[in-house]
Amino acid sequence: MSSHPGANVRPDVDVRPGRHVSTETKASFKTTELIVYILSVLAVLIASQVVNDGDFNAKEAWFFVTLLTIGYMVSRGLAKSGSPDFDDDRG
């Protein structure tokens, strides 16, 4: 088991180096996607308040916010789908 004769070998101790536990993607609050999403939502909601005619009301504004939210969630899902998630195999 050991390359050195007479070396102390303890079968109850795992001497293998541990694997690095990490992911490739950043946390969502560290990405520019979140900043762009928040600014876009604020822009849509502010625009719906500033425009006084019937063409762009609160119902349409919230519809656009919903579309932005779906787009953000899809982009985060795509970012995470391509990244391997490493985990320690010893525990």
PDB file of N, CA and C in Angstrom:
ATOM      1  N   MET A   1       0.809  -1.190   0.000  1.00  0.00           N
ATOM      2  CA  MET A   1       0.000   0.000   0.000  1.00  0.00           C
ATOM      3  C   MET A   1       0.851   1.252   0.000  1.00  0.00           C
ATOM      4  N   SER A   2       1.922   1.239   0.747  1.00  0.00           N
ATOM      5  CA  SER A   2       2.799   2.388   0.802  1.00  0.00           C
ATOM      6  C   SER A   2       4.068   2.081   0.027  1.00  0.00           C
ATOM      7  N   SER A   3       4.666   3.103  -0.548  1.00  0.00           N
ATOM      8  CA  SER A   3       5.903   2.887  -1.298  1.00  0.00           C
ATOM      9  C   SER A   3       7.106   2.750  -0.373  1.00  0.00           C
ATOM     10  N   HIS A   4       6.939   3.108   0.885  1.00  0.00           N
ATOM     11  CA  HIS A   4       8.031   3.008   1.852  1.00  0.00           C
ATOM     12  C   HIS A   4       7.744   1.834   2.783  1.00  0.00           C
ATOM     13  N   PRO A   5       8.655   0.861   2.834  1.00  0.00           N
ATOM     14  CA  PRO A   5       8.418  -0.248   3.762  1.00  0.00           C
ATOM     15  C   PRO A   5       8.497   0.250   5.199  1.00  0.00           C
ATOM     16  N   GLY A   6       7.596  -0.207   5.989  1.00  0.00           N
ATOM     17  CA  GLY A   6       7.598   0.153   7.397  1.00  0.00           C
ATOM     18  C   GLY A   6       6.867   1.443   7.706  1.00  0.00           C
ATOM     19  N   ALA A   7       6.277   2.075   6.721  1.00  0.00           N
ATOM     20  CA  ALA A   7       5.535   3.314   6.979  1.00  0.00           C
ATOM     21  C   ALA A   7       4.244   2.984   7.702  1.00  0.00           C
ATOM     22  N   ASN A   8       3.833   3.882   8.559  1.00  0.00           N
ATOM     23  CA  ASN A   8       2.588   3.695   9.301  1.00  0.00           C
ATOM     24  C   ASN A   8       1.398   3.909   8.375  1.00  0.00           C
ATOM     25  N   VAL A   9       0.606   2.879   8.202  1.00  0.00           N
ATOM     26  CA  VAL A   9      -0.588   2.963   7.365  1.00  0.00           C
ATOM     27  C   VAL A   9      -1.795   2.747   8.254  1.00  0.00           C
ATOM     28  N   ARG A  10      -2.665   3.736   8.287  1.00  0.00           N
ATOM     29  CA  ARG A  10      -3.888   3.626   9.079  1.00  0.00           C
ATOM     30  C   ARG A  10      -5.071   3.518   8.119  1.00  0.00           C
ATOM     31  N   PRO A  11      -5.748   2.388   8.089  1.00  0.00           N
ATOM     32  CA  PRO A  11      -6.849   2.219   7.142  1.00  0.00           C
ATOM     33  C   PRO A  11      -8.071   3.082   7.469  1.00  0.00           C
ATOM     34  N   ASP A  12      -8.150   3.620   8.684  1.00  0.00           N
ATOM     35  CA  ASP A  12      -9.316   4.425   9.053  1.00  0.00           C
ATOM     36  C   ASP A  12      -9.156   5.905   8.704  1.00  0.00           C
ATOM     37  N   VAL A  13      -8.016   6.296   8.143  1.00  0.00           N
ATOM     38  CA  VAL A  13      -7.773   7.692   7.796  1.00  0.00           C
ATOM     39  C   VAL A  13      -7.694   7.822   6.283  1.00  0.00           C
ATOM     40  N   ASP A  14      -8.491   8.716   5.736  1.00  0.00           N
ATOM     41  CA  ASP A  14      -8.482   8.965   4.300  1.00  0.00           C
ATOM     42  C   ASP A  14      -7.428  10.025   4.005  1.00  0.00           C
ATOM     43  N   VAL A  15      -6.392   9.649   3.287  1.00  0.00           N
ATOM     44  CA  VAL A  15      -5.298  10.570   3.015  1.00  0.00           C
ATOM     45  C   VAL A  15      -5.379  11.181   1.623  1.00  0.00           C
ATOM     46  N   ARG A  16      -6.433  10.874   0.883  1.00  0.00           N
ATOM     47  CA  ARG A  16      -6.589  11.461  -0.448  1.00  0.00           C
ATOM     48  C   ARG A  16      -6.866  12.954  -0.325  1.00  0.00           C
ATOM     49  N   PRO A  17      -6.319  13.742  -1.232  1.00  0.00           N
ATOM     50  CA  PRO A  17      -6.635  15.170  -1.183  1.00  0.00           C
ATOM     51  C   PRO A  17      -8.106  15.397  -1.537  1.00  0.00           C
ATOM     52  N   GLY A  18      -8.742  16.315  -0.836  1.00  0.00           N
ATOM     53  CA  GLY A  18     -10.139  16.619  -1.085  1.00  0.00           C
ATOM     54  C   GLY A  18     -10.328  17.379  -2.382  1.00  0.00           C
ATOM     55  N   ARG A  19     -11.478  17.199  -2.987  1.00  0.00           N
ATOM     56  CA  ARG A  19     -11.782  17.931  -4.212  1.00  0.00           C
ATOM     57  C   ARG A  19     -12.208  19.346  -3.880  1.00  0.00           C
ATOM     58  N   HIS A  20     -11.951  20.238  -4.819  1.00  0.00           N
ATOM     59  CA  HIS A  20     -12.338  21.635  -4.666  1.00  0.00           C
ATOM     60  C   HIS A  20     -13.837  21.763  -4.905  1.00  0.00           C
ATOM     61  N   VAL A  21     -14.543  22.324  -3.950  1.00  0.00           N
ATOM     62  CA  VAL A  21     -15.985  22.485  -4.059  1.00  0.00           C
ATOM     63  C   VAL A  21     -16.269  23.901  -4.543  1.00  0.00           C
ATOM     64  N   SER A  22     -16.805  24.015  -5.755  1.00  0.00           N
ATOM     65  CA  SER A  22     -17.130  25.339  -6.268  1.00  0.00           C
ATOM     66  C   SER A  22     -18.101  25.232  -7.425  1.00  0.00           C
ATOM     67  N   THR A  23     -18.610  26.385  -7.821  1.00  0.00           N
ATOM     68  CA  THR A  23     -19.416  26.475  -9.029  1.00  0.00           C
ATOM     69  C   THR A  23     -18.817  27.566  -9.895  1.00  0.00           C
ATOM     70  N   GLU A  24     -19.088  27.502 -11.194  1.00  0.00           N
ATOM     71  CA  GLU A  24     -18.526  28.490 -12.097  1.00  0.00           C
ATOM     72  C   GLU A  24     -19.320  29.785 -12.101  1.00  0.00           C
ATOM     73  N   THR A  25     -20.600  29.712 -11.842  1.00  0.00           N
ATOM     74  CA  THR A  25     -21.424  30.906 -11.933  1.00  0.00           C
ATOM     75  C   THR A  25     -21.364  31.703 -10.636  1.00  0.00           C
ATOM     76  N   LYS A  26     -21.533  32.992 -10.773  1.00  0.00           N
ATOM     77  CA  LYS A  26     -21.559  33.872  -9.604  1.00  0.00           C
ATOM     78  C   LYS A  26     -22.940  33.823  -8.967  1.00  0.00           C
ATOM     79  N   ALA A  27     -23.008  34.259  -7.740  1.00  0.00           N
ATOM     80  CA  ALA A  27     -24.303  34.435  -7.103  1.00  0.00           C
ATOM     81  C   ALA A  27     -25.057  35.530  -7.853  1.00  0.00           C
ATOM     82  N   SER A  28     -26.370  35.439  -7.847  1.00  0.00           N
ATOM     83  CA  SER A  28     -27.165  36.353  -8.678  1.00  0.00           C
ATOM     84  C   SER A  28     -26.966  37.820  -8.305  1.00  0.00           C
ATOM     85  N   PHE A  29     -26.727  38.112  -7.041  1.00  0.00           N
ATOM     86  CA  PHE A  29     -26.569  39.514  -6.649  1.00  0.00           C
ATOM     87  C   PHE A  29     -25.227  40.102  -7.088  1.00  0.00           C
ATOM     88  N   LYS A  30     -24.305  39.260  -7.572  1.00  0.00           N
ATOM     89  CA  LYS A  30     -23.011  39.745  -8.037  1.00  0.00           C
ATOM     90  C   LYS A  30     -22.957  39.960  -9.545  1.00  0.00           C
ATOM     91  N   THR A  31     -24.043  39.716 -10.245  1.00  0.00           N
ATOM     92  CA  THR A  31     -24.020  39.789 -11.701  1.00  0.00           C
ATOM     93  C   THR A  31     -24.592  41.115 -12.199  1.00  0.00           C
ATOM     94  N   THR A  32     -24.181  41.489 -13.400  1.00  0.00           N
ATOM     95  CA  THR A  32     -24.762  42.687 -14.022  1.00  0.00           C
ATOM     96  C   THR A  32     -26.172  42.411 -14.507  1.00  0.00           C
ATOM     97  N   GLU A  33     -26.529  41.126 -14.682  1.00  0.00           N
ATOM     98  CA  GLU A  33     -27.894  40.794 -15.083  1.00  0.00           C
ATOM     99  C   GLU A  33     -28.897  41.334 -14.073  1.00  0.00           C
ATOM    100  N   LEU A  34     -28.598  41.179 -12.796  1.00  0.00           N
ATOM    101  CA  LEU A  34     -29.525  41.640 -11.761  1.00  0.00           C
ATOM    102  C   LEU A  34     -29.643  43.160 -11.778  1.00  0.00           C
ATOM    103  N   ILE A  35     -28.533  43.838 -11.950  1.00  0.00           N
ATOM    104  CA  ILE A  35     -28.559  45.308 -11.985  1.00  0.00           C
ATOM    105  C   ILE A  35     -29.383  45.795 -13.171  1.00  0.00           C
ATOM    106  N   VAL A  36     -29.168  45.186 -14.340  1.00  0.00           N
ATOM    107  CA  VAL A  36     -29.933  45.569 -15.531  1.00  0.00           C
ATOM    108  C   VAL A  36     -31.414  45.257 -15.336  1.00  0.00           C
ATOM    109  N   TYR A  37     -31.715  44.124 -14.731  1.00  0.00           N
ATOM    110  CA  TYR A  37     -33.104  43.753 -14.478  1.00  0.00           C
ATOM    111  C   TYR A  37     -33.792  44.774 -13.555  1.00  0.00           C
ATOM    112  N   ILE A  38     -33.142  45.107 -12.469  1.00  0.00           N
ATOM    113  CA  ILE A  38     -33.737  46.059 -11.513  1.00  0.00           C
ATOM    114  C   ILE A  38     -33.936  47.429 -12.166  1.00  0.00           C
ATOM    115  N   LEU A  39     -32.922  47.893 -12.895  1.00  0.00           N
ATOM    116  CA  LEU A  39     -33.057  49.189 -13.574  1.00  0.00           C
ATOM    117  C   LEU A  39     -34.159  49.161 -14.628  1.00  0.00           C
ATOM    118  N   SER A  40     -34.296  48.058 -15.330  1.00  0.00           N
ATOM    119  CA  SER A  40     -35.353  47.944 -16.342  1.00  0.00           C
ATOM    120  C   SER A  40     -36.732  47.949 -15.704  1.00  0.00           C
ATOM    121  N   VAL A  41     -36.885  47.232 -14.609  1.00  0.00           N
ATOM    122  CA  VAL A  41     -38.179  47.219 -13.911  1.00  0.00           C
ATOM    123  C   VAL A  41     -38.515  48.617 -13.410  1.00  0.00           C
ATOM    124  N   LEU A  42     -37.538  49.291 -12.815  1.00  0.00           N
ATOM    125  CA  LEU A  42     -37.783  50.656 -12.345  1.00  0.00           C
ATOM    126  C   LEU A  42     -38.137  51.587 -13.499  1.00  0.00           C
ATOM    127  N   ALA A  43     -37.456  51.443 -14.630  1.00  0.00           N
ATOM    128  CA  ALA A  43     -37.749  52.285 -15.789  1.00  0.00           C
ATOM    129  C   ALA A  43     -39.164  52.060 -16.295  1.00  0.00           C
ATOM    130  N   VAL A  44     -39.606  50.821 -16.346  1.00  0.00           N
ATOM    131  CA  VAL A  44     -40.968  50.524 -16.807  1.00  0.00           C
ATOM    132  C   VAL A  44     -41.992  51.105 -15.850  1.00  0.00           C
ATOM    133  N   LEU A  45     -41.771  50.921 -14.554  1.00  0.00           N
ATOM    134  CA  LEU A  45     -42.747  51.420 -13.576  1.00  0.00           C
ATOM    135  C   LEU A  45     -42.779  52.947 -13.534  1.00  0.00           C
ATOM    136  N   ILE A  46     -41.630  53.583 -13.645  1.00  0.00           N
ATOM    137  CA  ILE A  46     -41.591  55.050 -13.668  1.00  0.00           C
ATOM    138  C   ILE A  46     -42.243  55.573 -14.940  1.00  0.00           C
ATOM    139  N   ALA A  47     -41.973  54.919 -16.065  1.00  0.00           N
ATOM    140  CA  ALA A  47     -42.581  55.351 -17.325  1.00  0.00           C
ATOM    141  C   ALA A  47     -44.094  55.222 -17.286  1.00  0.00           C
ATOM    142  N   SER A  48     -44.598  54.199 -16.629  1.00  0.00           N
ATOM    143  CA  SER A  48     -46.055  54.051 -16.543  1.00  0.00           C
ATOM    144  C   SER A  48     -46.680  55.141 -15.686  1.00  0.00           C
ATOM    145  N   GLN A  49     -45.934  55.699 -14.737  1.00  0.00           N
ATOM    146  CA  GLN A  49     -46.448  56.797 -13.920  1.00  0.00           C
ATOM    147  C   GLN A  49     -46.336  58.131 -14.632  1.00  0.00           C
ATOM    148  N   VAL A  50     -45.290  58.306 -15.428  1.00  0.00           N
ATOM    149  CA  VAL A  50     -45.057  59.585 -16.100  1.00  0.00           C
ATOM    150  C   VAL A  50     -46.014  59.783 -17.270  1.00  0.00           C
ATOM    151  N   VAL A  51     -46.241  58.727 -18.035  1.00  0.00           N
ATOM    152  CA  VAL A  51     -47.135  58.833 -19.189  1.00  0.00           C
ATOM    153  C   VAL A  51     -48.568  58.896 -18.672  1.00  0.00           C
ATOM    154  N   ASN A  52     -49.278  59.951 -19.060  1.00  0.00           N
ATOM    155  CA  ASN A  52     -50.624  60.156 -18.532  1.00  0.00           C
ATOM    156  C   ASN A  52     -51.727  59.705 -19.472  1.00  0.00           C
ATOM    157  N   ASP A  53     -51.387  59.318 -20.681  1.00  0.00           N
ATOM    158  CA  ASP A  53     -52.458  58.911 -21.582  1.00  0.00           C
ATOM    159  C   ASP A  53     -52.789  57.432 -21.383  1.00  0.00           C
ATOM    160  N   GLY A  54     -53.809  56.971 -22.031  1.00  0.00           N
ATOM    161  CA  GLY A  54     -54.301  55.618 -21.842  1.00  0.00           C
ATOM    162  C   GLY A  54     -53.522  54.554 -22.565  1.00  0.00           C
ATOM    163  N   ASP A  55     -52.468  54.933 -23.273  1.00  0.00           N
ATOM    164  CA  ASP A  55     -51.724  53.946 -24.037  1.00  0.00           C
ATOM    165  C   ASP A  55     -50.826  53.058 -23.178  1.00  0.00           C
ATOM    166  N   PHE A  56     -50.388  53.562 -22.059  1.00  0.00           N
ATOM    167  CA  PHE A  56     -49.455  52.807 -21.225  1.00  0.00           C
ATOM    168  C   PHE A  56     -49.884  52.937 -19.776  1.00  0.00           C
ATOM    169  N   ASN A  57     -50.708  52.004 -19.328  1.00  0.00           N
ATOM    170  CA  ASN A  57     -51.232  52.083 -17.965  1.00  0.00           C
ATOM    171  C   ASN A  57     -50.527  51.063 -17.052  1.00  0.00           C
ATOM    172  N   ALA A  58     -50.983  50.983 -15.830  1.00  0.00           N
ATOM    173  CA  ALA A  58     -50.343  50.114 -14.837  1.00  0.00           C
ATOM    174  C   ALA A  58     -50.447  48.642 -15.225  1.00  0.00           C
ATOM    175  N   LYS A  59     -51.562  48.251 -15.818  1.00  0.00           N
ATOM    176  CA  LYS A  59     -51.735  46.853 -16.209  1.00  0.00           C
ATOM    177  C   LYS A  59     -50.671  46.446 -17.240  1.00  0.00           C
ATOM    178  N   GLU A  60     -50.452  47.297 -18.223  1.00  0.00           N
ATOM    179  CA  GLU A  60     -49.427  46.999 -19.225  1.00  0.00           C
ATOM    180  C   GLU A  60     -48.021  47.058 -18.626  1.00  0.00           C
ATOM    181  N   ALA A  61     -47.810  47.966 -17.695  1.00  0.00           N
ATOM    182  CA  ALA A  61     -46.498  48.067 -17.051  1.00  0.00           C
ATOM    183  C   ALA A  61     -46.175  46.776 -16.294  1.00  0.00           C
ATOM    184  N   TRP A  62     -47.126  46.259 -15.543  1.00  0.00           N
ATOM    185  CA  TRP A  62     -46.889  45.029 -14.798  1.00  0.00           C
ATOM    186  C   TRP A  62     -46.733  43.832 -15.737  1.00  0.00           C
ATOM    187  N   PHE A  63     -47.391  43.884 -16.904  1.00  0.00           N
ATOM    188  CA  PHE A  63     -47.189  42.840 -17.897  1.00  0.00           C
ATOM    189  C   PHE A  63     -45.738  42.851 -18.375  1.00  0.00           C
ATOM    190  N   PHE A  64     -45.194  44.043 -18.632  1.00  0.00           N
ATOM    191  CA  PHE A  64     -43.799  44.143 -19.062  1.00  0.00           C
ATOM    192  C   PHE A  64     -42.830  43.734 -17.948  1.00  0.00           C
ATOM    193  N   VAL A  65     -43.174  44.046 -16.716  1.00  0.00           N
ATOM    194  CA  VAL A  65     -42.345  43.607 -15.584  1.00  0.00           C
ATOM    195  C   VAL A  65     -42.351  42.082 -15.504  1.00  0.00           C
ATOM    196  N   THR A  66     -43.498  41.471 -15.752  1.00  0.00           N
ATOM    197  CA  THR A  66     -43.579  40.012 -15.765  1.00  0.00           C
ATOM    198  C   THR A  66     -42.700  39.426 -16.864  1.00  0.00           C
ATOM    199  N   LEU A  67     -42.735  40.030 -18.055  1.00  0.00           N
ATOM    200  CA  LEU A  67     -41.880  39.564 -19.149  1.00  0.00           C
ATOM    201  C   LEU A  67     -40.400  39.718 -18.799  1.00  0.00           C
ATOM    202  N   LEU A  68     -40.050  40.837 -18.182  1.00  0.00           N
ATOM    203  CA  LEU A  68     -38.660  41.040 -17.755  1.00  0.00           C
ATOM    204  C   LEU A  68     -38.236  39.980 -16.732  1.00  0.00           C
ATOM    205  N   THR A  69     -39.143  39.656 -15.820  1.00  0.00           N
ATOM    206  CA  THR A  69     -38.850  38.660 -14.792  1.00  0.00           C
ATOM    207  C   THR A  69     -38.632  37.289 -15.420  1.00  0.00           C
ATOM    208  N   ILE A  70     -39.484  36.928 -16.367  1.00  0.00           N
ATOM    209  CA  ILE A  70     -39.320  35.651 -17.054  1.00  0.00           C
ATOM    210  C   ILE A  70     -37.983  35.621 -17.787  1.00  0.00           C
ATOM    211  N   GLY A  71     -37.658  36.705 -18.476  1.00  0.00           N
ATOM    212  CA  GLY A  71     -36.382  36.770 -19.180  1.00  0.00           C
ATOM    213  C   GLY A  71     -35.196  36.653 -18.240  1.00  0.00           C
ATOM    214  N   TYR A  72     -35.284  37.302 -17.097  1.00  0.00           N
ATOM    215  CA  TYR A  72     -34.191  37.230 -16.114  1.00  0.00           C
ATOM    216  C   TYR A  72     -34.036  35.805 -15.589  1.00  0.00           C
ATOM    217  N   MET A  73     -35.152  35.161 -15.270  1.00  0.00           N
ATOM    218  CA  MET A  73     -35.081  33.802 -14.741  1.00  0.00           C
ATOM    219  C   MET A  73     -34.545  32.825 -15.784  1.00  0.00           C
ATOM    220  N   VAL A  74     -34.918  32.997 -17.041  1.00  0.00           N
ATOM    221  CA  VAL A  74     -34.399  32.141 -18.105  1.00  0.00           C
ATOM    222  C   VAL A  74     -32.889  32.361 -18.268  1.00  0.00           C
ATOM    223  N   SER A  75     -32.460  33.621 -18.225  1.00  0.00           N
ATOM    224  CA  SER A  75     -31.026  33.890 -18.396  1.00  0.00           C
ATOM    225  C   SER A  75     -30.221  33.303 -17.243  1.00  0.00           C
ATOM    226  N   ARG A  76     -30.723  33.364 -16.029  1.00  0.00           N
ATOM    227  CA  ARG A  76     -30.023  32.752 -14.893  1.00  0.00           C
ATOM    228  C   ARG A  76     -30.023  31.238 -15.006  1.00  0.00           C
ATOM    229  N   GLY A  77     -31.121  30.683 -15.485  1.00  0.00           N
ATOM    230  CA  GLY A  77     -31.177  29.233 -15.667  1.00  0.00           C
ATOM    231  C   GLY A  77     -30.195  28.759 -16.712  1.00  0.00           C
ATOM    232  N   LEU A  78     -30.081  29.508 -17.811  1.00  0.00           N
ATOM    233  CA  LEU A  78     -29.121  29.146 -18.845  1.00  0.00           C
ATOM    234  C   LEU A  78     -27.690  29.287 -18.341  1.00  0.00           C
ATOM    235  N   ALA A  79     -27.439  30.298 -17.531  1.00  0.00           N
ATOM    236  CA  ALA A  79     -26.094  30.485 -16.983  1.00  0.00           C
ATOM    237  C   ALA A  79     -25.720  29.331 -16.059  1.00  0.00           C
ATOM    238  N   LYS A  80     -26.664  28.868 -15.276  1.00  0.00           N
ATOM    239  CA  LYS A  80     -26.369  27.787 -14.343  1.00  0.00           C
ATOM    240  C   LYS A  80     -26.407  26.417 -14.998  1.00  0.00           C
ATOM    241  N   SER A  81     -27.122  26.266 -16.103  1.00  0.00           N
ATOM    242  CA  SER A  81     -27.234  24.947 -16.728  1.00  0.00           C
ATOM    243  C   SER A  81     -25.920  24.501 -17.353  1.00  0.00           C
ATOM    244  N   GLY A  82     -25.101  25.437 -17.787  1.00  0.00           N
ATOM    245  CA  GLY A  82     -23.838  25.078 -18.424  1.00  0.00           C
ATOM    246  C   GLY A  82     -22.688  24.933 -17.466  1.00  0.00           C
ATOM    247  N   SER A  83     -22.911  25.159 -16.194  1.00  0.00           N
ATOM    248  CA  SER A  83     -21.800  25.100 -15.246  1.00  0.00           C
ATOM    249  C   SER A  83     -21.897  23.845 -14.399  1.00  0.00           C
ATOM    250  N   PRO A  84     -20.797  23.128 -14.276  1.00  0.00           N
ATOM    251  CA  PRO A  84     -20.810  21.942 -13.420  1.00  0.00           C
ATOM    252  C   PRO A  84     -20.851  22.344 -11.955  1.00  0.00           C
ATOM    253  N   ASP A  85     -21.521  21.553 -11.170  1.00  0.00           N
ATOM    254  CA  ASP A  85     -21.610  21.805  -9.733  1.00  0.00           C
ATOM    255  C   ASP A  85     -20.797  20.735  -9.029  1.00  0.00           C
ATOM    256  N   PHE A  86     -19.611  21.093  -8.567  1.00  0.00           N
ATOM    257  CA  PHE A  86     -18.743  20.130  -7.909  1.00  0.00           C
ATOM    258  C   PHE A  86     -19.175  19.934  -6.473  1.00  0.00           C
ATOM    259  N   ASP A  87     -19.012  18.722  -6.024  1.00  0.00           N
ATOM    260  CA  ASP A  87     -19.352  18.412  -4.643  1.00  0.00           C
ATOM    261  C   ASP A  87     -18.306  17.453  -4.099  1.00  0.00           C
ATOM    262  N   ASP A  88     -18.069  17.509  -2.816  1.00  0.00           N
ATOM    263  CA  ASP A  88     -17.089  16.641  -2.186  1.00  0.00           C
ATOM    264  C   ASP A  88     -17.635  15.228  -2.153  1.00  0.00           C
ATOM    265  N   ASP A  89     -16.875  14.261  -2.651  1.00  0.00           N
ATOM    266  CA  ASP A  89     -17.361  12.886  -2.712  1.00  0.00           C
ATOM    267  C   ASP A  89     -17.133  12.098  -1.418  1.00  0.00           C
ATOM    268  N   ARG A  90     -16.551  12.721  -0.417  1.00  0.00           N
ATOM    269  CA  ARG A  90     -16.277  11.998   0.834  1.00  0.00           C
ATOM    270  C   ARG A  90     -17.297  12.291   1.911  1.00  0.00           C
ATOM    271  N   GLY A  91     -18.252  13.123   1.679  1.00  0.00           N
ATOM    272  CA  GLY A  91     -19.136  13.396   2.795  1.00  0.00           C
ATOM    273  C   GLY A  91     -20.249  14.158   2.402  1.00  0.00           C
TER     274      GLY A  91
END
